[in-house]
Amino acid sequence: MRHEKEKLLKEELRILAITTRDRLGLTQKEMDRRLAMSESCYSDIETVCTMCKTLTAVILPDMQDDSKRFLFAAKAKFKEQYEKEMKAT
């Protein structure tokens, strides 16, 4: 069950990173500087190689005009995943 939630969060943060970078008109190199990480680490997030580290997962939502929107959407998806898991057991 935990694996599915981690997979879901990984994808949500990946999408957030890509849409944020696009909205701000930044290159990956510029985005990695804003997130205080290496370019290769940032690239790994966009290509789903790795999940965001805690600091990045805090900074990314904070870069949004409405950070609560991301958190509420993620919460809804977690709830949906939880309900699927409960039906399966």
Protein backbone atom coordinates (compact mmCIF):
# COMPACT_ATOMS: atom_id res chain seq x y z
CA MET A 1 0.00 0.00 0.00
CA ARG A 2 2.77 2.43 0.89
CA HIS A 3 4.45 1.79 -2.46
CA GLU A 4 1.34 2.91 -4.35
CA LYS A 5 1.09 6.12 -2.33
CA GLU A 6 4.78 6.88 -2.91
CA LYS A 7 4.32 6.24 -6.62
CA LEU A 8 1.34 8.60 -6.66
CA LEU A 9 3.24 11.35 -4.82
CA LYS A 10 6.26 10.91 -7.09
CA GLU A 11 4.10 11.47 -10.17
CA GLU A 12 2.24 14.43 -8.65
CA LEU A 13 5.50 16.16 -7.73
CA ARG A 14 6.95 15.40 -11.18
CA ILE A 15 3.95 17.04 -12.84
CA LEU A 16 4.18 20.00 -10.46
CA ALA A 17 7.88 20.45 -11.25
CA ILE A 18 7.29 20.37 -15.01
CA THR A 19 4.29 22.70 -14.97
CA THR A 20 6.06 25.10 -12.61
CA ARG A 21 9.14 25.22 -14.82
CA ASP A 22 6.98 25.76 -17.91
CA ARG A 23 4.89 28.46 -16.21
CA LEU A 24 8.01 30.33 -15.12
CA GLY A 25 9.69 29.85 -18.52
CA LEU A 26 12.80 28.34 -16.96
CA THR A 27 15.33 25.86 -18.28
CA GLN A 28 16.13 22.79 -16.21
CA LYS A 29 19.40 24.46 -15.20
CA GLU A 30 17.55 27.56 -13.96
CA MET A 31 14.99 25.42 -12.17
CA ASP A 32 17.62 23.37 -10.38
CA ARG A 33 19.19 26.58 -9.06
CA ARG A 34 15.84 27.73 -7.68
CA LEU A 35 15.44 24.38 -5.95
CA ALA A 36 19.05 24.33 -4.67
CA MET A 37 19.88 21.04 -6.37
CA SER A 38 22.06 19.73 -9.18
CA GLU A 39 20.78 19.75 -12.75
CA SER A 40 21.02 15.98 -12.99
CA CYS A 41 18.95 15.54 -9.81
CA TYR A 42 16.29 17.87 -11.17
CA SER A 43 16.29 16.05 -14.50
CA ASP A 44 15.78 12.78 -12.62
CA ILE A 45 12.58 14.21 -11.10
CA GLU A 46 11.18 15.16 -14.51
CA THR A 47 12.03 11.77 -16.00
CA VAL A 48 10.60 9.85 -13.02
CA CYS A 49 13.96 8.33 -12.10
CA THR A 50 13.73 9.58 -8.52
CA MET A 51 11.25 11.21 -6.22
CA CYS A 52 11.76 14.71 -4.84
CA LYS A 53 13.65 14.97 -1.61
CA THR A 54 11.87 16.58 1.33
CA LEU A 55 13.28 20.08 0.76
CA THR A 56 12.22 20.06 -2.89
CA ALA A 57 8.78 18.75 -1.95
CA VAL A 58 8.41 21.77 0.35
CA ILE A 59 9.84 24.39 -2.04
CA LEU A 60 7.89 23.31 -5.14
CA PRO A 61 4.39 23.91 -3.73
CA ASP A 62 5.64 27.17 -2.24
CA MET A 63 6.57 28.34 -5.77
CA GLN A 64 2.87 28.25 -6.74
CA ASP A 65 0.48 31.19 -6.73
CA ASP A 66 -1.87 29.00 -4.68
CA SER A 67 0.13 26.31 -2.89
CA LYS A 68 -2.99 24.94 -1.22
CA ARG A 69 -4.41 23.90 -4.58
CA PHE A 70 -1.64 21.32 -5.05
CA LEU A 71 -1.98 20.06 -1.49
CA PHE A 72 -5.78 19.67 -1.73
CA ALA A 73 -5.51 17.90 -5.09
CA ALA A 74 -2.84 15.53 -3.72
CA LYS A 75 -4.98 14.88 -0.64
CA ALA A 76 -7.95 13.97 -2.83
CA LYS A 77 -5.85 11.53 -4.85
CA PHE A 78 -4.49 9.93 -1.68
CA LYS A 79 -8.04 9.55 -0.38
CA GLU A 80 -9.08 7.91 -3.64
CA GLN A 81 -6.10 5.54 -3.45
CA TYR A 82 -6.91 4.71 0.16
CA GLU A 83 -10.52 3.91 -0.73
CA LYS A 84 -9.38 1.60 -3.55
CA GLU A 85 -7.07 -0.19 -1.14
CA MET A 86 -9.82 -0.62 1.46
CA LYS A 87 -12.19 -2.11 -1.13
CA ALA A 88 -9.47 -4.54 -2.23
CA THR A 89 -8.97 -5.90 1.30
